[in-house]
N, C-alpha and C. Protein backbone atom coordinates (compact mmCIF):
# COMPACT_ATOMS: atom_id res chain seq x y z
N MET A 1 29.84 11.73 37.89
CA MET A 1 29.16 13.00 38.08
C MET A 1 28.75 13.55 36.71
N LYS A 2 27.54 14.03 36.65
CA LYS A 2 27.00 14.55 35.40
C LYS A 2 27.62 15.91 35.07
N LYS A 3 27.92 16.11 33.80
CA LYS A 3 28.50 17.37 33.36
C LYS A 3 27.46 18.48 33.47
N LEU A 4 27.89 19.65 33.92
CA LEU A 4 26.98 20.79 34.08
C LEU A 4 26.69 21.45 32.73
N SER A 5 25.45 21.90 32.56
CA SER A 5 25.07 22.60 31.33
C SER A 5 25.65 24.02 31.36
N LYS A 6 25.53 24.73 30.25
CA LYS A 6 26.03 26.11 30.19
C LYS A 6 25.34 27.00 31.22
N VAL A 7 24.04 26.82 31.37
CA VAL A 7 23.29 27.62 32.36
C VAL A 7 23.77 27.30 33.76
N GLN A 8 23.98 26.01 34.06
CA GLN A 8 24.45 25.61 35.38
C GLN A 8 25.86 26.12 35.64
N LEU A 9 26.69 26.17 34.61
CA LEU A 9 28.04 26.72 34.77
C LEU A 9 27.98 28.21 35.10
N LYS A 10 27.05 28.93 34.48
CA LYS A 10 26.87 30.35 34.79
C LYS A 10 26.38 30.53 36.22
N GLN A 11 25.48 29.65 36.65
CA GLN A 11 24.99 29.71 38.04
C GLN A 11 26.13 29.44 39.00
N GLN A 12 26.97 28.47 38.69
CA GLN A 12 28.10 28.13 39.54
C GLN A 12 29.07 29.31 39.65
N ALA A 13 29.35 29.95 38.54
CA ALA A 13 30.26 31.10 38.54
C ALA A 13 29.67 32.24 39.37
N LEU A 14 28.38 32.46 39.25
CA LEU A 14 27.70 33.51 40.01
C LEU A 14 27.80 33.23 41.51
N VAL A 15 27.51 31.99 41.92
CA VAL A 15 27.55 31.62 43.33
C VAL A 15 28.98 31.71 43.87
N LEU A 16 29.95 31.26 43.09
CA LEU A 16 31.35 31.34 43.51
C LEU A 16 31.77 32.79 43.72
N ASN A 17 31.37 33.66 42.81
CA ASN A 17 31.70 35.08 42.89
C ASN A 17 31.13 35.69 44.17
N VAL A 18 29.86 35.44 44.44
CA VAL A 18 29.21 35.99 45.63
C VAL A 18 29.82 35.38 46.90
N ALA A 19 30.05 34.07 46.89
CA ALA A 19 30.63 33.40 48.06
C ALA A 19 32.02 33.93 48.37
N ASP A 20 32.83 34.14 47.35
CA ASP A 20 34.18 34.67 47.56
C ASP A 20 34.14 36.07 48.16
N ALA A 21 33.24 36.91 47.64
CA ALA A 21 33.13 38.28 48.16
C ALA A 21 32.67 38.28 49.61
N LEU A 22 31.67 37.47 49.93
CA LEU A 22 31.18 37.41 51.31
C LEU A 22 32.21 36.79 52.24
N GLU A 23 32.97 35.82 51.75
CA GLU A 23 34.01 35.21 52.58
C GLU A 23 35.08 36.24 52.94
N GLU A 24 35.46 37.04 51.98
CA GLU A 24 36.47 38.08 52.22
C GLU A 24 35.97 39.07 53.27
N GLN A 25 34.72 39.51 53.13
CA GLN A 25 34.14 40.44 54.11
C GLN A 25 34.02 39.77 55.48
N GLY A 26 33.58 38.52 55.49
CA GLY A 26 33.38 37.78 56.73
C GLY A 26 34.67 37.60 57.51
N ARG A 27 35.73 37.25 56.82
CA ARG A 27 37.02 37.08 57.51
C ARG A 27 37.50 38.38 58.12
N ALA A 28 37.19 39.49 57.46
CA ALA A 28 37.61 40.80 57.97
C ALA A 28 36.76 41.24 59.16
N GLU A 29 35.47 40.90 59.16
CA GLU A 29 34.55 41.44 60.16
C GLU A 29 34.17 40.47 61.27
N LEU A 30 34.26 39.17 61.03
CA LEU A 30 33.83 38.18 62.02
C LEU A 30 35.03 37.44 62.59
N GLU A 31 35.25 37.62 63.86
CA GLU A 31 36.38 36.97 64.53
C GLU A 31 36.15 35.46 64.57
N GLY A 32 37.17 34.71 64.19
CA GLY A 32 37.10 33.25 64.27
C GLY A 32 36.50 32.57 63.06
N MET A 33 36.15 33.33 62.04
CA MET A 33 35.60 32.70 60.83
C MET A 33 36.73 32.05 60.04
N LEU A 34 36.55 30.78 59.71
CA LEU A 34 37.58 30.04 58.98
C LEU A 34 37.39 30.11 57.47
N GLN A 35 36.16 29.82 57.02
CA GLN A 35 35.91 29.80 55.59
C GLN A 35 34.42 29.90 55.31
N CYS A 36 34.13 30.16 54.05
CA CYS A 36 32.76 30.17 53.56
C CYS A 36 32.66 29.06 52.52
N TRP A 37 31.70 28.19 52.66
CA TRP A 37 31.49 27.14 51.67
C TRP A 37 30.01 27.06 51.34
N PHE A 38 29.70 26.45 50.21
CA PHE A 38 28.30 26.39 49.80
C PHE A 38 27.93 25.04 49.25
N ASP A 39 26.64 24.78 49.28
CA ASP A 39 26.06 23.58 48.69
C ASP A 39 24.88 24.03 47.84
N VAL A 40 24.75 23.47 46.67
CA VAL A 40 23.64 23.84 45.79
C VAL A 40 23.33 22.69 44.85
N GLU A 41 22.06 22.50 44.58
CA GLU A 41 21.62 21.57 43.54
C GLU A 41 21.15 22.44 42.39
N TYR A 42 21.90 22.46 41.31
CA TYR A 42 21.68 23.42 40.24
C TYR A 42 20.31 23.29 39.58
N HIS A 43 19.74 22.09 39.56
CA HIS A 43 18.42 21.93 38.96
C HIS A 43 17.32 22.51 39.84
N LEU A 44 17.64 22.84 41.11
CA LEU A 44 16.69 23.47 42.02
C LEU A 44 17.10 24.89 42.39
N PHE A 45 18.06 25.45 41.67
CA PHE A 45 18.59 26.79 41.96
C PHE A 45 17.52 27.83 41.70
N PRO A 46 17.38 28.89 42.51
CA PRO A 46 18.17 29.27 43.67
C PRO A 46 17.65 28.73 45.00
N GLY A 47 16.53 27.99 44.99
CA GLY A 47 15.95 27.51 46.23
C GLY A 47 16.84 26.58 47.03
N SER A 48 17.76 25.88 46.37
CA SER A 48 18.60 24.91 47.06
C SER A 48 19.93 25.49 47.55
N LEU A 49 20.18 26.76 47.30
CA LEU A 49 21.45 27.37 47.70
C LEU A 49 21.57 27.44 49.21
N LEU A 50 22.69 26.95 49.74
CA LEU A 50 23.00 27.06 51.16
C LEU A 50 24.45 27.49 51.30
N LEU A 51 24.66 28.68 51.83
CA LEU A 51 25.99 29.21 52.10
C LEU A 51 26.27 29.03 53.58
N CYS A 52 27.43 28.51 53.92
CA CYS A 52 27.79 28.26 55.32
C CYS A 52 29.07 29.01 55.68
N PHE A 53 29.02 29.75 56.77
CA PHE A 53 30.21 30.38 57.33
C PHE A 53 30.69 29.45 58.44
N GLN A 54 31.90 28.91 58.27
CA GLN A 54 32.46 27.97 59.25
C GLN A 54 33.32 28.74 60.25
N PHE A 55 33.09 28.44 61.54
CA PHE A 55 33.84 29.08 62.62
C PHE A 55 34.73 28.06 63.32
N GLU A 56 35.78 28.56 63.99
CA GLU A 56 36.78 27.66 64.57
C GLU A 56 36.31 26.97 65.85
N ASN A 57 35.44 27.63 66.64
CA ASN A 57 34.96 26.99 67.87
C ASN A 57 33.59 27.57 68.27
N GLN A 58 32.99 26.95 69.28
CA GLN A 58 31.64 27.34 69.71
C GLN A 58 31.61 28.77 70.24
N GLN A 59 32.67 29.20 70.90
CA GLN A 59 32.71 30.55 71.47
C GLN A 59 32.65 31.62 70.37
N THR A 60 33.42 31.45 69.31
CA THR A 60 33.39 32.44 68.22
C THR A 60 32.07 32.36 67.45
N LEU A 61 31.52 31.15 67.35
CA LEU A 61 30.21 30.99 66.70
C LEU A 61 29.12 31.72 67.49
N ASP A 62 29.13 31.54 68.81
CA ASP A 62 28.14 32.22 69.66
C ASP A 62 28.28 33.73 69.60
N ALA A 63 29.52 34.21 69.52
CA ALA A 63 29.76 35.66 69.45
C ALA A 63 29.26 36.24 68.13
N ALA A 64 29.32 35.46 67.06
CA ALA A 64 28.92 35.94 65.74
C ALA A 64 27.42 35.80 65.47
N THR A 65 26.74 34.94 66.21
CA THR A 65 25.33 34.64 65.94
C THR A 65 24.43 35.87 65.87
N PRO A 66 24.61 36.90 66.73
CA PRO A 66 23.75 38.09 66.61
C PRO A 66 23.89 38.81 65.26
N GLU A 67 24.97 38.56 64.54
CA GLU A 67 25.22 39.19 63.24
C GLU A 67 24.61 38.41 62.07
N LEU A 68 24.02 37.26 62.34
CA LEU A 68 23.55 36.37 61.28
C LEU A 68 22.57 37.05 60.32
N LEU A 69 21.58 37.76 60.85
CA LEU A 69 20.58 38.40 59.99
C LEU A 69 21.23 39.41 59.04
N LYS A 70 22.21 40.15 59.55
CA LYS A 70 22.92 41.13 58.70
C LYS A 70 23.59 40.42 57.51
N TRP A 71 24.19 39.28 57.76
CA TRP A 71 24.88 38.54 56.71
C TRP A 71 23.90 37.89 55.75
N GLN A 72 22.75 37.47 56.26
CA GLN A 72 21.72 36.92 55.38
C GLN A 72 21.21 38.01 54.43
N LYS A 73 21.08 39.22 54.94
CA LYS A 73 20.65 40.35 54.10
C LYS A 73 21.72 40.67 53.06
N ARG A 74 22.98 40.59 53.45
CA ARG A 74 24.07 40.84 52.50
C ARG A 74 24.05 39.82 51.36
N LEU A 75 23.83 38.55 51.71
CA LEU A 75 23.76 37.51 50.69
C LEU A 75 22.59 37.79 49.75
N SER A 76 21.44 38.09 50.30
CA SER A 76 20.26 38.36 49.50
C SER A 76 20.50 39.55 48.57
N GLY A 77 21.11 40.62 49.08
CA GLY A 77 21.42 41.80 48.28
C GLY A 77 22.42 41.51 47.18
N ALA A 78 23.45 40.73 47.51
CA ALA A 78 24.48 40.39 46.51
C ALA A 78 23.89 39.53 45.39
N MET A 79 23.02 38.61 45.76
CA MET A 79 22.39 37.77 44.74
C MET A 79 21.42 38.59 43.88
N LEU A 80 20.71 39.52 44.51
CA LEU A 80 19.78 40.37 43.77
C LEU A 80 20.52 41.22 42.74
N LYS A 81 21.71 41.72 43.12
CA LYS A 81 22.51 42.50 42.18
C LYS A 81 22.92 41.66 40.97
N LYS A 82 23.00 40.34 41.16
CA LYS A 82 23.35 39.44 40.05
C LYS A 82 22.11 38.95 39.32
N GLY A 83 20.93 39.41 39.76
CA GLY A 83 19.70 39.04 39.07
C GLY A 83 19.01 37.81 39.62
N VAL A 84 19.39 37.38 40.82
CA VAL A 84 18.80 36.18 41.43
C VAL A 84 18.03 36.59 42.68
N ILE A 85 16.76 36.22 42.73
CA ILE A 85 15.93 36.57 43.89
C ILE A 85 15.85 35.37 44.83
N LEU A 86 16.24 35.59 46.09
CA LEU A 86 16.09 34.57 47.13
C LEU A 86 14.80 34.88 47.88
N LYS A 87 13.83 33.98 47.81
CA LYS A 87 12.52 34.24 48.40
C LYS A 87 12.57 34.34 49.92
N ASP A 88 13.35 33.49 50.57
CA ASP A 88 13.46 33.50 52.03
C ASP A 88 14.93 33.52 52.39
N MET A 89 15.47 34.72 52.64
CA MET A 89 16.91 34.86 52.85
C MET A 89 17.42 34.07 54.05
N ARG A 90 16.55 33.79 55.02
CA ARG A 90 16.99 33.08 56.23
C ARG A 90 17.34 31.61 55.96
N ARG A 91 16.88 31.07 54.86
CA ARG A 91 17.15 29.66 54.53
C ARG A 91 18.49 29.46 53.83
N HIS A 92 19.11 30.53 53.38
CA HIS A 92 20.24 30.38 52.47
C HIS A 92 21.61 30.66 53.07
N LEU A 93 21.68 31.11 54.31
CA LEU A 93 22.98 31.34 54.94
C LEU A 93 22.90 30.94 56.41
N VAL A 94 23.88 30.14 56.85
CA VAL A 94 23.94 29.71 58.25
C VAL A 94 25.38 29.84 58.75
N PHE A 95 25.50 29.97 60.06
CA PHE A 95 26.80 29.93 60.73
C PHE A 95 26.93 28.52 61.33
N THR A 96 28.10 27.90 61.17
CA THR A 96 28.27 26.53 61.60
C THR A 96 29.71 26.25 62.06
N LEU A 97 29.88 25.13 62.74
CA LEU A 97 31.20 24.63 63.10
C LEU A 97 31.65 23.55 62.10
N LYS A 98 30.72 23.04 61.31
CA LYS A 98 31.01 21.96 60.37
C LYS A 98 31.67 22.48 59.10
N GLY A 99 32.56 21.66 58.57
CA GLY A 99 33.20 21.98 57.31
C GLY A 99 32.47 21.32 56.16
N PRO A 100 32.89 21.58 54.94
CA PRO A 100 32.22 21.00 53.77
C PRO A 100 32.29 19.49 53.72
N ASP A 101 33.27 18.88 54.38
CA ASP A 101 33.42 17.43 54.34
C ASP A 101 32.78 16.71 55.52
N ASP A 102 32.25 17.47 56.48
CA ASP A 102 31.64 16.87 57.69
C ASP A 102 30.24 16.35 57.43
C-alpha cells in the first residue's frame, strides 16, 4: 500500500472526524444502527467519498430510510464546516446492511 501524502493524511483526519461525529449522532437517533464506515480514494477526494451507515437488519434499515436525506444534509453541512464542498450530497451517504468487509 502506498504511503499517504501530508495532504491525504489531513483529508483522512477530516473524514474520520466527521464520520465519528455522525456515527455518534446516528447511534443515538437511528434505531438498529451498528456502525458508520467510509470508503474514499484520496486522489479523487471529495468526489470519491462514500459514508455508509450499517444497520443490523432489513426492518431497521427500512424504518430509517425516510431519514436518509436528513443525514445526507448533515454530512454535507459537516464537510462544508471543514471547508470541503460536496457537489451532490446524495452520492456520499447511504444506508446499508453491508459491513466494510462485505
